[in-house]
C-alpha atoms as a PDB file:
ATOM      1  CA  MET A   1      -4.193   7.657 -14.000  1.00  0.00           C
ATOM      2  CA  THR A   2      -1.398   9.467 -12.179  1.00  0.00           C
ATOM      3  CA  HIS A   3       2.240   8.486 -12.633  1.00  0.00           C
ATOM      4  CA  VAL A   4       3.826   7.359  -9.356  1.00  0.00           C
ATOM      5  CA  CYS A   5       7.185   5.754 -10.084  1.00  0.00           C
ATOM      6  CA  ARG A   6       9.100   3.301 -12.239  1.00  0.00           C
ATOM      7  CA  VAL A   7       8.700  -0.422 -11.573  1.00  0.00           C
ATOM      8  CA  ASP A   8      12.358  -0.808 -10.580  1.00  0.00           C
ATOM      9  CA  GLU A   9      12.054   1.828  -7.827  1.00  0.00           C
ATOM     10  CA  ILE A  10      10.270  -0.649  -5.523  1.00  0.00           C
ATOM     11  CA  GLU A  11      11.905  -3.945  -4.664  1.00  0.00           C
ATOM     12  CA  ASP A  12       9.960  -7.197  -4.635  1.00  0.00           C
ATOM     13  CA  GLY A  13       8.307  -7.533  -1.224  1.00  0.00           C
ATOM     14  CA  GLY A  14       8.810  -3.855  -0.511  1.00  0.00           C
ATOM     15  CA  ALA A  15       6.634  -0.800  -0.027  1.00  0.00           C
ATOM     16  CA  ARG A  16       7.171   2.896  -0.581  1.00  0.00           C
ATOM     17  CA  ARG A  17       5.213   5.974   0.410  1.00  0.00           C
ATOM     18  CA  PHE A  18       4.122   8.598  -2.102  1.00  0.00           C
ATOM     19  CA  ASP A  19       2.284  11.867  -1.464  1.00  0.00           C
ATOM     20  CA  ILE A  20       0.188  12.576  -4.548  1.00  0.00           C
ATOM     21  CA  GLU A  21      -2.338  15.382  -4.892  1.00  0.00           C
ATOM     22  CA  GLY A  22      -3.252  15.295  -1.196  1.00  0.00           C
ATOM     23  CA  HIS A  23      -3.304  11.485  -0.980  1.00  0.00           C
ATOM     24  CA  ARG A  24      -0.754   9.620   1.150  1.00  0.00           C
ATOM     25  CA  ILE A  25      -0.346   6.285  -0.635  1.00  0.00           C
ATOM     26  CA  ALA A  26       1.695   3.143   0.034  1.00  0.00           C
ATOM     27  CA  VAL A  27       2.648   1.313  -3.160  1.00  0.00           C
ATOM     28  CA  VAL A  28       3.539  -2.321  -2.535  1.00  0.00           C
ATOM     29  CA  ARG A  29       5.266  -4.729  -4.899  1.00  0.00           C
ATOM     30  CA  ILE A  30       4.751  -8.487  -4.739  1.00  0.00           C
ATOM     31  CA  GLY A  31       6.521 -10.092  -7.689  1.00  0.00           C
ATOM     32  CA  ASP A  32       5.193  -8.442 -10.826  1.00  0.00           C
ATOM     33  CA  GLU A  33       2.041  -7.186  -9.083  1.00  0.00           C
ATOM     34  CA  PHE A  34       1.668  -3.722  -7.587  1.00  0.00           C
ATOM     35  CA  HIS A  35      -0.900  -2.638  -5.002  1.00  0.00           C
ATOM     36  CA  ALA A  36      -1.722   0.820  -3.667  1.00  0.00           C
ATOM     37  CA  ILE A  37      -3.462   1.564  -0.365  1.00  0.00           C
ATOM     38  CA  GLY A  38      -3.804   4.515   1.977  1.00  0.00           C
ATOM     39  CA  ASP A  39      -0.530   4.870   3.864  1.00  0.00           C
ATOM     40  CA  ARG A  40      -2.044   5.842   7.242  1.00  0.00           C
ATOM     41  CA  CYS A  41      -2.990   3.058   9.645  1.00  0.00           C
ATOM     42  CA  SER A  42      -6.664   3.533  10.478  1.00  0.00           C
ATOM     43  CA  HIS A  43      -5.925   3.031  14.188  1.00  0.00           C
ATOM     44  CA  ALA A  44      -3.147   5.618  14.489  1.00  0.00           C
ATOM     45  CA  ASN A  45      -1.196   7.892  12.207  1.00  0.00           C
ATOM     46  CA  TYR A  46       1.591   5.427  11.395  1.00  0.00           C
ATOM     47  CA  SER A  47       2.966   4.889   7.912  1.00  0.00           C
ATOM     48  CA  LEU A  48       2.021   1.461   6.573  1.00  0.00           C
ATOM     49  CA  SER A  49       4.834   1.642   4.025  1.00  0.00           C
ATOM     50  CA  ASP A  50       7.237   1.265   6.983  1.00  0.00           C
ATOM     51  CA  GLY A  51       5.630  -2.075   7.845  1.00  0.00           C
ATOM     52  CA  VAL A  52       6.288  -5.657   6.788  1.00  0.00           C
ATOM     53  CA  VAL A  53       4.782  -6.987   3.552  1.00  0.00           C
ATOM     54  CA  TRP A  54       3.423 -10.514   3.901  1.00  0.00           C
ATOM     55  CA  ALA A  55       3.484 -11.592   0.245  1.00  0.00           C
ATOM     56  CA  ASP A  56       1.792 -14.983   0.752  1.00  0.00           C
ATOM     57  CA  ASP A  57      -1.175 -13.329   2.475  1.00  0.00           C
ATOM     58  CA  CYS A  58      -1.175 -10.170   0.279  1.00  0.00           C
ATOM     59  CA  VAL A  59      -1.167  -7.895   3.354  1.00  0.00           C
ATOM     60  CA  ILE A  60       0.970  -5.180   4.905  1.00  0.00           C
ATOM     61  CA  GLU A  61       1.477  -4.984   8.666  1.00  0.00           C
ATOM     62  CA  CYS A  62       1.349  -1.736  10.623  1.00  0.00           C
ATOM     63  CA  PRO A  63       4.765  -1.277  12.252  1.00  0.00           C
ATOM     64  CA  LYS A  64       3.272   0.090  15.494  1.00  0.00           C
ATOM     65  CA  HIS A  65       0.453  -2.220  16.612  1.00  0.00           C
ATOM     66  CA  PHE A  66       0.767  -5.083  14.085  1.00  0.00           C
ATOM     67  CA  SER A  67      -2.685  -4.972  12.498  1.00  0.00           C
ATOM     68  CA  LYS A  68      -2.406  -6.299   8.943  1.00  0.00           C
ATOM     69  CA  PHE A  69      -4.259  -4.636   6.067  1.00  0.00           C
ATOM     70  CA  ASP A  70      -5.432  -6.591   3.028  1.00  0.00           C
ATOM     71  CA  LEU A  71      -3.868  -5.054  -0.082  1.00  0.00           C
ATOM     72  CA  LEU A  72      -6.932  -5.887  -2.189  1.00  0.00           C
ATOM     73  CA  THR A  73      -9.672  -4.635   0.133  1.00  0.00           C
ATOM     74  CA  GLY A  74      -7.949  -2.391   2.695  1.00  0.00           C
ATOM     75  CA  LEU A  75      -9.593  -4.319   5.534  1.00  0.00           C
ATOM     76  CA  PRO A  76      -7.637  -4.874   8.779  1.00  0.00           C
ATOM     77  CA  ASP A  77      -7.378  -8.354  10.246  1.00  0.00           C
ATOM     78  CA  VAL A  78      -7.163  -7.730  14.020  1.00  0.00           C
ATOM     79  CA  PHE A  79      -7.446  -5.068  16.694  1.00  0.00           C
ATOM     80  CA  PRO A  80      -6.532  -2.389  17.378  1.00  0.00           C
ATOM     81  CA  ALA A  81      -7.346  -1.350  13.785  1.00  0.00           C
ATOM     82  CA  THR A  82     -11.047  -1.714  13.004  1.00  0.00           C
ATOM     83  CA  GLN A  83     -11.540   0.548   9.965  1.00  0.00           C
ATOM     84  CA  PRO A  84     -10.310  -0.162   6.429  1.00  0.00           C
ATOM     85  CA  VAL A  85      -7.851   2.040   4.564  1.00  0.00           C
ATOM     86  CA  PRO A  86      -8.551   3.145   0.991  1.00  0.00           C
ATOM     87  CA  VAL A  87      -7.349   1.034  -1.931  1.00  0.00           C
ATOM     88  CA  TYR A  88      -6.443   2.419  -5.335  1.00  0.00           C
ATOM     89  CA  VAL A  89      -6.461   0.923  -8.826  1.00  0.00           C
ATOM     90  CA  VAL A  90      -2.919   0.403 -10.119  1.00  0.00           C
ATOM     91  CA  ASN A  91      -1.813   0.152 -13.727  1.00  0.00           C
ATOM     92  CA  VAL A  92       1.674  -0.789 -14.923  1.00  0.00           C
ATOM     93  CA  THR A  93       2.536   0.275 -18.459  1.00  0.00           C
ATOM     94  CA  GLU A  94       5.980   0.152 -20.066  1.00  0.00           C
ATOM     95  CA  GLY A  95       7.728  -0.034 -16.706  1.00  0.00           C
ATOM     96  CA  GLU A  96       5.775   2.844 -15.158  1.00  0.00           C
ATOM     97  CA  VAL A  97       3.468   2.493 -12.146  1.00  0.00           C
ATOM     98  CA  GLU A  98       0.299   4.596 -12.240  1.00  0.00           C
ATOM     99  CA  VAL A  99      -2.449   4.989  -9.645  1.00  0.00           C
ATOM    100  CA  GLN A 100      -6.049   6.022 -10.205  1.00  0.00           C
ATOM    101  CA  LEU A 101      -7.009   8.709  -7.714  1.00  0.00           C
ATOM    102  CA  PRO A 102     -10.636   9.212  -6.679  1.00  0.00           C
END
């Protein structure tokens, strides 16, 4: 696991981009749960961490064309995005967020 940030560095319902060992990752916080997905929209090179987090649906919306990506699977819901983004295993230990890189 690779250390990413402290829990309190991401607000509830927020997302933040991290560049880690060649991976561009969006870490999203929903309550006490953290999710990590590839930060590039699969339709265009837009940062998903700049998009809206829909906590009830567990998705993040691309700020450019409004495709929403499932935080558990990386799958988009509507066009124009058709390809999933990668998802990463997240571990939270003693207030630290860690991500498992492939």
